Amino acid sequence: MGAALAMAQALGIDTLIAAELLPEIEAVMVRKLNEQIGEGHG
């Protein structure tokens, strides 16, 4: 989380907003990654 917030700050994104959105973004990323892994082994 710290690295993501540092990246947001470097990009000029409000870190409070980034901290609010990161859990949702992470959930989508994990879901999509799991779908890709499932397709590769199916």
C-alpha atoms as a PDB file:
ATOM      1  CA  MET A   1       0.000   0.000   0.000  1.00  0.00           C
ATOM      2  CA  GLY A   2       2.855   2.332   0.782  1.00  0.00           C
ATOM      3  CA  ALA A   3       4.346   1.946  -2.679  1.00  0.00           C
ATOM      4  CA  ALA A   4       0.969   2.553  -4.311  1.00  0.00           C
ATOM      5  CA  LEU A   5       0.441   5.715  -2.275  1.00  0.00           C
ATOM      6  CA  ALA A   6       3.946   6.927  -3.114  1.00  0.00           C
ATOM      7  CA  MET A   7       3.203   6.344  -6.806  1.00  0.00           C
ATOM      8  CA  ALA A   8      -0.089   8.231  -6.501  1.00  0.00           C
ATOM      9  CA  GLN A   9       1.692  11.135  -4.844  1.00  0.00           C
ATOM     10  CA  ALA A  10       4.367  11.163  -7.549  1.00  0.00           C
ATOM     11  CA  LEU A  11       1.623  11.274 -10.184  1.00  0.00           C
ATOM     12  CA  GLY A  12      -0.072  14.175  -8.425  1.00  0.00           C
ATOM     13  CA  ILE A  13      -3.074  12.130  -7.293  1.00  0.00           C
ATOM     14  CA  ASP A  14      -4.582  12.965  -3.917  1.00  0.00           C
ATOM     15  CA  THR A  15      -3.311  10.219  -1.590  1.00  0.00           C
ATOM     16  CA  LEU A  16      -6.535  10.225   0.447  1.00  0.00           C
ATOM     17  CA  ILE A  17      -8.533   9.474  -2.687  1.00  0.00           C
ATOM     18  CA  ALA A  18      -6.007   6.834  -3.738  1.00  0.00           C
ATOM     19  CA  ALA A  19      -6.213   5.190  -0.305  1.00  0.00           C
ATOM     20  CA  GLU A  20     -10.005   5.048  -0.623  1.00  0.00           C
ATOM     21  CA  LEU A  21      -9.899   3.512  -4.111  1.00  0.00           C
ATOM     22  CA  LEU A  22      -6.998   1.076  -3.721  1.00  0.00           C
ATOM     23  CA  PRO A  23      -8.944  -1.752  -2.029  1.00  0.00           C
ATOM     24  CA  GLU A  24     -11.521  -1.757  -4.834  1.00  0.00           C
ATOM     25  CA  ILE A  25      -8.863  -1.590  -7.533  1.00  0.00           C
ATOM     26  CA  GLU A  26      -6.941  -4.408  -5.854  1.00  0.00           C
ATOM     27  CA  ALA A  27     -10.064  -6.587  -5.719  1.00  0.00           C
ATOM     28  CA  VAL A  28     -10.641  -6.140  -9.458  1.00  0.00           C
ATOM     29  CA  MET A  29      -6.988  -6.861 -10.222  1.00  0.00           C
ATOM     30  CA  VAL A  30      -7.029 -10.070  -8.164  1.00  0.00           C
ATOM     31  CA  ARG A  31     -10.294 -11.213  -9.748  1.00  0.00           C
ATOM     32  CA  LYS A  32      -8.988 -10.616 -13.281  1.00  0.00           C
ATOM     33  CA  LEU A  33      -5.664 -12.292 -12.508  1.00  0.00           C
ATOM     34  CA  ASN A  34      -7.490 -15.338 -11.142  1.00  0.00           C
ATOM     35  CA  GLU A  35      -9.611 -15.466 -14.309  1.00  0.00           C
ATOM     36  CA  GLN A  36      -6.477 -15.406 -16.472  1.00  0.00           C
ATOM     37  CA  ILE A  37      -4.832 -18.119 -14.388  1.00  0.00           C
ATOM     38  CA  GLY A  38      -7.999 -20.231 -14.612  1.00  0.00           C
ATOM     39  CA  GLU A  39      -8.117 -19.866 -18.387  1.00  0.00           C
ATOM     40  CA  GLY A  40      -4.498 -20.941 -18.671  1.00  0.00           C
ATOM     41  CA  HIS A  41      -5.119 -24.163 -16.743  1.00  0.00           C
ATOM     42  CA  GLY A  42      -8.532 -24.972 -18.232  1.00  0.00           C
END
